[in-house]
C-alpha atoms as a PDB file:
ATOM      1  CA  MET A   1     -20.247  -0.082  22.266  1.00  0.00           C
ATOM      2  CA  ALA A   2     -19.065   2.869  20.516  1.00  0.00           C
ATOM      3  CA  GLN A   3     -21.273   4.891  18.652  1.00  0.00           C
ATOM      4  CA  CYS A   4     -21.123   6.823  15.242  1.00  0.00           C
ATOM      5  CA  ASP A   5     -23.593   8.308  13.126  1.00  0.00           C
ATOM      6  CA  LEU A   6     -24.776   7.350   9.817  1.00  0.00           C
ATOM      7  CA  TYR A   7     -24.468   9.454   7.112  1.00  0.00           C
ATOM      8  CA  ASN A   8     -26.041   9.207   2.931  1.00  0.00           C
ATOM      9  CA  LEU A   9     -24.135  10.933  -0.082  1.00  0.00           C
ATOM     10  CA  GLU A  10     -26.068  14.314   0.794  1.00  0.00           C
ATOM     11  CA  LYS A  11     -24.237  14.198   4.270  1.00  0.00           C
ATOM     12  CA  LYS A  12     -27.261  14.069   6.248  1.00  0.00           C
ATOM     13  CA  LYS A  13     -27.390  11.987   8.925  1.00  0.00           C
ATOM     14  CA  VAL A  14     -29.754   8.980   8.632  1.00  0.00           C
ATOM     15  CA  GLY A  15     -29.356   7.188  11.994  1.00  0.00           C
ATOM     16  CA  LYS A  16     -26.534   5.631  13.684  1.00  0.00           C
ATOM     17  CA  LEU A  17     -24.357   2.550  14.089  1.00  0.00           C
ATOM     18  CA  GLU A  18     -22.961   0.471  16.750  1.00  0.00           C
ATOM     19  CA  LEU A  19     -18.897  -0.259  16.496  1.00  0.00           C
ATOM     20  CA  GLN A  20     -17.250  -2.956  18.555  1.00  0.00           C
ATOM     21  CA  ASP A  21     -14.895  -1.250  20.845  1.00  0.00           C
ATOM     22  CA  HIS A  22     -11.954  -3.653  20.834  1.00  0.00           C
ATOM     23  CA  ILE A  23     -11.887  -2.909  16.763  1.00  0.00           C
ATOM     24  CA  PHE A  24     -12.647   1.055  16.585  1.00  0.00           C
ATOM     25  CA  ALA A  25     -11.810   1.962  20.067  1.00  0.00           C
ATOM     26  CA  ALA A  26      -8.874   0.029  20.717  1.00  0.00           C
ATOM     27  CA  PRO A  27      -5.088   1.813  22.216  1.00  0.00           C
ATOM     28  CA  ILE A  28      -3.228   3.830  19.615  1.00  0.00           C
ATOM     29  CA  LYS A  29       0.050   1.976  18.945  1.00  0.00           C
ATOM     30  CA  PRO A  30       2.373   4.559  16.995  1.00  0.00           C
ATOM     31  CA  HIS A  31       5.340   1.528  17.434  1.00  0.00           C
ATOM     32  CA  LEU A  32       3.244  -0.977  15.182  1.00  0.00           C
ATOM     33  CA  PHE A  33       2.237   2.022  12.845  1.00  0.00           C
ATOM     34  CA  HIS A  34       5.988   1.998  11.554  1.00  0.00           C
ATOM     35  CA  GLU A  35       6.498  -1.807  11.824  1.00  0.00           C
ATOM     36  CA  VAL A  36       3.559  -2.510   9.603  1.00  0.00           C
ATOM     37  CA  THR A  37       3.978   0.296   6.930  1.00  0.00           C
ATOM     38  CA  THR A  38       7.789  -0.154   6.735  1.00  0.00           C
ATOM     39  CA  TRP A  39       6.524  -4.322   6.121  1.00  0.00           C
ATOM     40  CA  GLN A  40       4.505  -3.074   3.412  1.00  0.00           C
ATOM     41  CA  LEU A  41       6.586  -0.942   1.593  1.00  0.00           C
ATOM     42  CA  ALA A  42       9.235  -3.475   1.574  1.00  0.00           C
ATOM     43  CA  LYS A  43       6.954  -6.227   0.200  1.00  0.00           C
ATOM     44  CA  ARG A  44       5.879  -3.969  -2.610  1.00  0.00           C
ATOM     45  CA  ARG A  45       9.668  -2.918  -3.820  1.00  0.00           C
ATOM     46  CA  GLN A  46       9.691  -4.647  -7.389  1.00  0.00           C
ATOM     47  CA  GLY A  47      13.849  -6.277  -6.394  1.00  0.00           C
ATOM     48  CA  THR A  48      14.312  -6.006 -10.406  1.00  0.00           C
ATOM     49  CA  ALA A  49      17.196  -4.251 -10.385  1.00  0.00           C
ATOM     50  CA  SER A  50      19.901  -6.228 -12.146  1.00  0.00           C
ATOM     51  CA  THR A  51      23.942  -5.964 -12.959  1.00  0.00           C
ATOM     52  CA  LYS A  52      26.323  -8.217 -15.189  1.00  0.00           C
ATOM     53  CA  GLU A  53      29.467  -9.560 -13.259  1.00  0.00           C
ATOM     54  CA  ARG A  54      32.909 -10.774 -15.243  1.00  0.00           C
ATOM     55  CA  SER A  55      31.035 -13.914 -16.569  1.00  0.00           C
ATOM     56  CA  ALA A  56      27.726 -12.500 -17.780  1.00  0.00           C
ATOM     57  CA  VAL A  57      29.723  -9.785 -19.512  1.00  0.00           C
ATOM     58  CA  SER A  58      29.997 -10.708 -23.223  1.00  0.00           C
ATOM     59  CA  GLY A  59      33.559 -11.220 -25.377  1.00  0.00           C
ATOM     60  CA  GLY A  60      37.080 -11.110 -23.479  1.00  0.00           C
ATOM     61  CA  GLY A  61      38.108 -14.893 -24.265  1.00  0.00           C
ATOM     62  CA  ARG A  62      41.200 -13.966 -25.408  1.00  0.00           C
ATOM     63  CA  LYS A  63      44.223 -12.564 -23.275  1.00  0.00           C
ATOM     64  CA  PRO A  64      44.322  -8.649 -24.580  1.00  0.00           C
ATOM     65  CA  TRP A  65      48.174  -9.150 -24.546  1.00  0.00           C
ATOM     66  CA  ARG A  66      51.176 -11.188 -23.415  1.00  0.00           C
ATOM     67  CA  GLN A  67      51.830 -11.759 -19.763  1.00  0.00           C
ATOM     68  CA  LYS A  68      55.437 -10.524 -20.222  1.00  0.00           C
ATOM     69  CA  GLY A  69      57.506  -8.190 -21.807  1.00  0.00           C
ATOM     70  CA  THR A  70      55.103  -5.514 -22.813  1.00  0.00           C
ATOM     71  CA  GLY A  71      55.793  -2.753 -20.187  1.00  0.00           C
ATOM     72  CA  ARG A  72      51.937  -2.984 -19.206  1.00  0.00           C
ATOM     73  CA  ALA A  73      50.190  -4.517 -16.345  1.00  0.00           C
ATOM     74  CA  SER A  74      49.334  -7.872 -17.161  1.00  0.00           C
ATOM     75  CA  ALA A  75      45.944  -8.510 -17.858  1.00  0.00           C
ATOM     76  CA  GLY A  76      43.312 -12.150 -18.428  1.00  0.00           C
ATOM     77  CA  THR A  77      40.517 -10.502 -20.046  1.00  0.00           C
ATOM     78  CA  SER A  78      39.370  -7.323 -21.355  1.00  0.00           C
ATOM     79  CA  ARG A  79      35.854  -7.860 -18.867  1.00  0.00           C
ATOM     80  CA  SER A  80      37.744  -7.274 -15.747  1.00  0.00           C
ATOM     81  CA  PRO A  81      35.680  -5.026 -13.526  1.00  0.00           C
ATOM     82  CA  LEU A  82      38.844  -2.610 -13.889  1.00  0.00           C
ATOM     83  CA  TRP A  83      38.189  -2.023 -17.454  1.00  0.00           C
ATOM     84  CA  ARG A  84      35.650   0.046 -19.274  1.00  0.00           C
ATOM     85  CA  GLY A  85      32.927  -2.204 -20.265  1.00  0.00           C
ATOM     86  CA  GLY A  86      33.980  -4.924 -17.670  1.00  0.00           C
ATOM     87  CA  GLY A  87      31.656  -6.913 -15.251  1.00  0.00           C
ATOM     88  CA  THR A  88      30.483  -5.494 -12.301  1.00  0.00           C
ATOM     89  CA  ILE A  89      31.608  -6.022  -9.007  1.00  0.00           C
ATOM     90  CA  PHE A  90      29.419  -6.974  -6.226  1.00  0.00           C
ATOM     91  CA  GLY A  91      26.181  -5.543  -8.128  1.00  0.00           C
ATOM     92  CA  PRO A  92      22.583  -6.085  -7.616  1.00  0.00           C
ATOM     93  CA  HIS A  93      20.358  -9.190  -8.620  1.00  0.00           C
ATOM     94  CA  PRO A  94      16.869  -9.528  -8.514  1.00  0.00           C
ATOM     95  CA  ARG A  95      15.722 -10.507  -5.096  1.00  0.00           C
ATOM     96  CA  ASP A  96      12.674 -10.273  -3.072  1.00  0.00           C
ATOM     97  CA  TYR A  97      12.304  -7.648  -0.245  1.00  0.00           C
ATOM     98  CA  GLY A  98       9.272  -8.812   1.912  1.00  0.00           C
ATOM     99  CA  TYR A  99       9.688 -10.342   5.071  1.00  0.00           C
ATOM    100  CA  PRO A 100       7.514 -12.224   7.676  1.00  0.00           C
ATOM    101  CA  LEU A 101       5.638 -10.208  10.041  1.00  0.00           C
ATOM    102  CA  PRO A 102       3.346 -11.624  12.563  1.00  0.00           C
ATOM    103  CA  LYS A 103      -0.591 -11.764  11.901  1.00  0.00           C
ATOM    104  CA  LYS A 104      -1.165 -10.536  15.628  1.00  0.00           C
ATOM    105  CA  VAL A 105       0.832  -7.615  14.928  1.00  0.00           C
ATOM    106  CA  ARG A 106      -0.890  -6.574  11.418  1.00  0.00           C
ATOM    107  CA  MET A 107      -3.823  -7.158  12.875  1.00  0.00           C
ATOM    108  CA  ALA A 108      -2.981  -5.323  16.136  1.00  0.00           C
ATOM    109  CA  ALA A 109      -1.846  -2.337  14.092  1.00  0.00           C
ATOM    110  CA  LEU A 110      -4.617  -2.248  11.775  1.00  0.00           C
ATOM    111  CA  ARG A 111      -7.465  -2.193  14.648  1.00  0.00           C
ATOM    112  CA  SER A 112      -4.648   0.436  15.615  1.00  0.00           C
ATOM    113  CA  ALA A 113      -5.328   2.652  12.953  1.00  0.00           C
ATOM    114  CA  LEU A 114      -9.052   2.322  12.599  1.00  0.00           C
ATOM    115  CA  SER A 115      -9.201   3.493  16.002  1.00  0.00           C
ATOM    116  CA  LEU A 116      -6.938   6.339  15.531  1.00  0.00           C
ATOM    117  CA  ARG A 117      -9.204   7.621  12.286  1.00  0.00           C
ATOM    118  CA  PHE A 118     -12.565   6.969  15.019  1.00  0.00           C
ATOM    119  CA  GLN A 119     -10.675   9.146  17.653  1.00  0.00           C
ATOM    120  CA  GLU A 120     -10.068  11.817  15.162  1.00  0.00           C
ATOM    121  CA  GLY A 121     -13.658  12.246  14.093  1.00  0.00           C
ATOM    122  CA  LYS A 122     -12.403  11.046  10.491  1.00  0.00           C
ATOM    123  CA  LEU A 123     -14.090   8.110  10.084  1.00  0.00           C
ATOM    124  CA  LEU A 124     -17.365   8.761   8.123  1.00  0.00           C
ATOM    125  CA  LEU A 125     -19.704   5.768   8.165  1.00  0.00           C
ATOM    126  CA  LEU A 126     -22.253   6.292   4.799  1.00  0.00           C
ATOM    127  CA  ASP A 127     -25.469   4.140   3.944  1.00  0.00           C
ATOM    128  CA  ALA A 128     -24.908   3.348   0.240  1.00  0.00           C
ATOM    129  CA  PHE A 129     -22.641   4.841  -2.462  1.00  0.00           C
ATOM    130  CA  PRO A 130     -24.545   4.197  -5.151  1.00  0.00           C
ATOM    131  CA  SER A 131     -22.356   5.103  -8.702  1.00  0.00           C
ATOM    132  CA  PRO A 132     -24.728   3.500 -11.375  1.00  0.00           C
ATOM    133  CA  GLU A 133     -22.700   4.644 -14.551  1.00  0.00           C
ATOM    134  CA  GLY A 134     -19.318   4.456 -12.800  1.00  0.00           C
ATOM    135  CA  LYS A 135     -18.491   8.327 -14.084  1.00  0.00           C
ATOM    136  CA  THR A 136     -15.399  10.230 -12.428  1.00  0.00           C
ATOM    137  CA  LYS A 137     -17.275  13.551 -12.351  1.00  0.00           C
ATOM    138  CA  ALA A 138     -20.311  12.175 -10.535  1.00  0.00           C
ATOM    139  CA  PHE A 139     -17.862  10.857  -8.248  1.00  0.00           C
ATOM    140  CA  VAL A 140     -15.975  13.659  -7.273  1.00  0.00           C
ATOM    141  CA  LYS A 141     -19.162  15.842  -7.156  1.00  0.00           C
ATOM    142  CA  ALA A 142     -20.245  13.703  -4.180  1.00  0.00           C
ATOM    143  CA  MET A 143     -16.701  13.813  -2.406  1.00  0.00           C
ATOM    144  CA  GLU A 144     -16.716  17.662  -2.783  1.00  0.00           C
ATOM    145  CA  ALA A 145     -20.347  17.644  -1.149  1.00  0.00           C
ATOM    146  CA  LEU A 146     -19.223  15.202   1.370  1.00  0.00           C
ATOM    147  CA  GLY A 147     -16.240  17.855   1.967  1.00  0.00           C
ATOM    148  CA  ILE A 148     -13.919  15.390   1.917  1.00  0.00           C
ATOM    149  CA  LYS A 149     -10.179  15.722  -0.444  1.00  0.00           C
ATOM    150  CA  SER A 150      -7.938  12.796   0.754  1.00  0.00           C
ATOM    151  CA  ALA A 151     -10.012   9.800   1.557  1.00  0.00           C
ATOM    152  CA  VAL A 152     -10.349   5.426   1.691  1.00  0.00           C
ATOM    153  CA  VAL A 153     -13.398   4.628   0.836  1.00  0.00           C
ATOM    154  CA  VAL A 154     -14.081   0.601   2.005  1.00  0.00           C
ATOM    155  CA  THR A 155     -16.632  -1.777   0.379  1.00  0.00           C
ATOM    156  CA  ASP A 156     -18.161  -4.701   1.321  1.00  0.00           C
ATOM    157  CA  GLY A 157     -16.959  -6.433  -1.770  1.00  0.00           C
ATOM    158  CA  GLU A 158     -17.358  -5.952  -5.680  1.00  0.00           C
ATOM    159  CA  ASN A 159     -18.154  -2.662  -6.349  1.00  0.00           C
ATOM    160  CA  LEU A 160     -16.991  -2.290  -9.964  1.00  0.00           C
ATOM    161  CA  ASN A 161     -18.804   1.128 -10.906  1.00  0.00           C
ATOM    162  CA  LEU A 162     -17.858   2.913  -7.778  1.00  0.00           C
ATOM    163  CA  GLU A 163     -14.181   1.505  -8.342  1.00  0.00           C
ATOM    164  CA  ARG A 164     -13.758   2.185 -12.140  1.00  0.00           C
ATOM    165  CA  SER A 165     -15.277   6.257 -10.983  1.00  0.00           C
ATOM    166  CA  ALA A 166     -12.377   6.525  -8.716  1.00  0.00           C
ATOM    167  CA  ARG A 167      -9.527   4.995 -10.496  1.00  0.00           C
ATOM    168  CA  ASN A 168      -8.467   8.831 -11.789  1.00  0.00           C
ATOM    169  CA  VAL A 169      -9.040  10.105  -8.798  1.00  0.00           C
ATOM    170  CA  PRO A 170      -5.285  10.605  -7.011  1.00  0.00           C
ATOM    171  CA  TRP A 171      -6.425  11.491  -3.712  1.00  0.00           C
ATOM    172  CA  VAL A 172      -9.500   8.625  -2.855  1.00  0.00           C
ATOM    173  CA  LYS A 173      -8.674   4.577  -3.208  1.00  0.00           C
ATOM    174  CA  VAL A 174     -11.624   2.130  -3.368  1.00  0.00           C
ATOM    175  CA  LEU A 175     -10.504  -0.909  -1.249  1.00  0.00           C
ATOM    176  CA  ARG A 176     -12.840  -3.988  -0.936  1.00  0.00           C
ATOM    177  CA  TYR A 177     -13.056  -4.823   2.839  1.00  0.00           C
ATOM    178  CA  ASN A 178     -10.550  -7.193   2.893  1.00  0.00           C
ATOM    179  CA  GLY A 179      -7.969  -5.462   1.411  1.00  0.00           C
ATOM    180  CA  ILE A 180      -8.175  -2.447   3.649  1.00  0.00           C
ATOM    181  CA  ASN A 181      -4.010  -2.276   5.320  1.00  0.00           C
ATOM    182  CA  VAL A 182      -2.559   0.361   7.717  1.00  0.00           C
ATOM    183  CA  TYR A 183      -0.031   2.269   5.097  1.00  0.00           C
ATOM    184  CA  ASP A 184      -3.729   3.428   2.915  1.00  0.00           C
ATOM    185  CA  ILE A 185      -5.756   4.236   6.156  1.00  0.00           C
ATOM    186  CA  LEU A 186      -2.698   6.619   7.559  1.00  0.00           C
ATOM    187  CA  LYS A 187      -1.775   7.898   3.820  1.00  0.00           C
ATOM    188  CA  HIS A 188      -5.479   9.472   3.349  1.00  0.00           C
ATOM    189  CA  GLU A 189      -7.111  11.374   5.703  1.00  0.00           C
ATOM    190  CA  HIS A 190     -10.270  10.626   6.053  1.00  0.00           C
ATOM    191  CA  LEU A 191     -11.486   6.720   6.356  1.00  0.00           C
ATOM    192  CA  ILE A 192     -15.137   6.286   4.510  1.00  0.00           C
ATOM    193  CA  ILE A 193     -16.674   2.819   5.522  1.00  0.00           C
ATOM    194  CA  LEU A 194     -20.237   1.826   3.770  1.00  0.00           C
ATOM    195  CA  LYS A 195     -22.170   0.654   6.394  1.00  0.00           C
ATOM    196  CA  PRO A 196     -22.707  -3.468   4.508  1.00  0.00           C
ATOM    197  CA  ALA A 197     -18.645  -3.262   5.044  1.00  0.00           C
ATOM    198  CA  VAL A 198     -18.533  -2.713   8.970  1.00  0.00           C
ATOM    199  CA  GLY A 199     -19.890  -5.943   9.993  1.00  0.00           C
ATOM    200  CA  LYS A 200     -17.204  -7.684   7.539  1.00  0.00           C
ATOM    201  CA  ILE A 201     -14.167  -5.560   8.906  1.00  0.00           C
ATOM    202  CA  GLU A 202     -15.606  -6.569  12.457  1.00  0.00           C
ATOM    203  CA  GLU A 203     -16.029 -10.482  11.643  1.00  0.00           C
ATOM    204  CA  ARG A 204     -12.250 -10.235   9.895  1.00  0.00           C
ATOM    205  CA  LEU A 205     -10.556  -8.747  12.910  1.00  0.00           C
ATOM    206  CA  LYS A 206     -12.842 -10.290  15.615  1.00  0.00           C
ATOM    207  CA  GLY A 207      -9.720 -12.348  16.980  1.00  0.00           C
END
């Protein structure tokens, strides 16, 4: 099993932790990163763009002029797409941009992302991250003491004070162990995992 040093908030080594090789020492597969991040970003798209076609535009019920004899091109409605104020031809409508991706692919990509941070030496295990008051100032000070400017912090469950103290810090994202994902790991330079969350991550990815 791979071993990783365990630190406290003062960045003092307080022990070692064994990590499962098939999760934190898996082969790095960049093509899976591309597949999964593309899938994640597609799912996040709102897909709310909408336009009105000629049948949905108000007005235009009366024929603008008679069919023949005026010297102008014939017209049946002022809501024609050719007219100003008319409908839109083949415009966008609300849709879901998401698409299915096999669970095996998603899990393999996540194991690969965790292994990448471990191999780079940018995986930091903390014994705890106490945040009794949920203050942003205290959180930023703790991150500065660790020498980290961009990170995902993974907790073992609900930690409202920690989540509250980090929500206004743009270069940090706090995730619960069941919300850890490839896109956020790759987007941030460091990965910080609290000790209680390690076992839960390994349990989630054991397949």
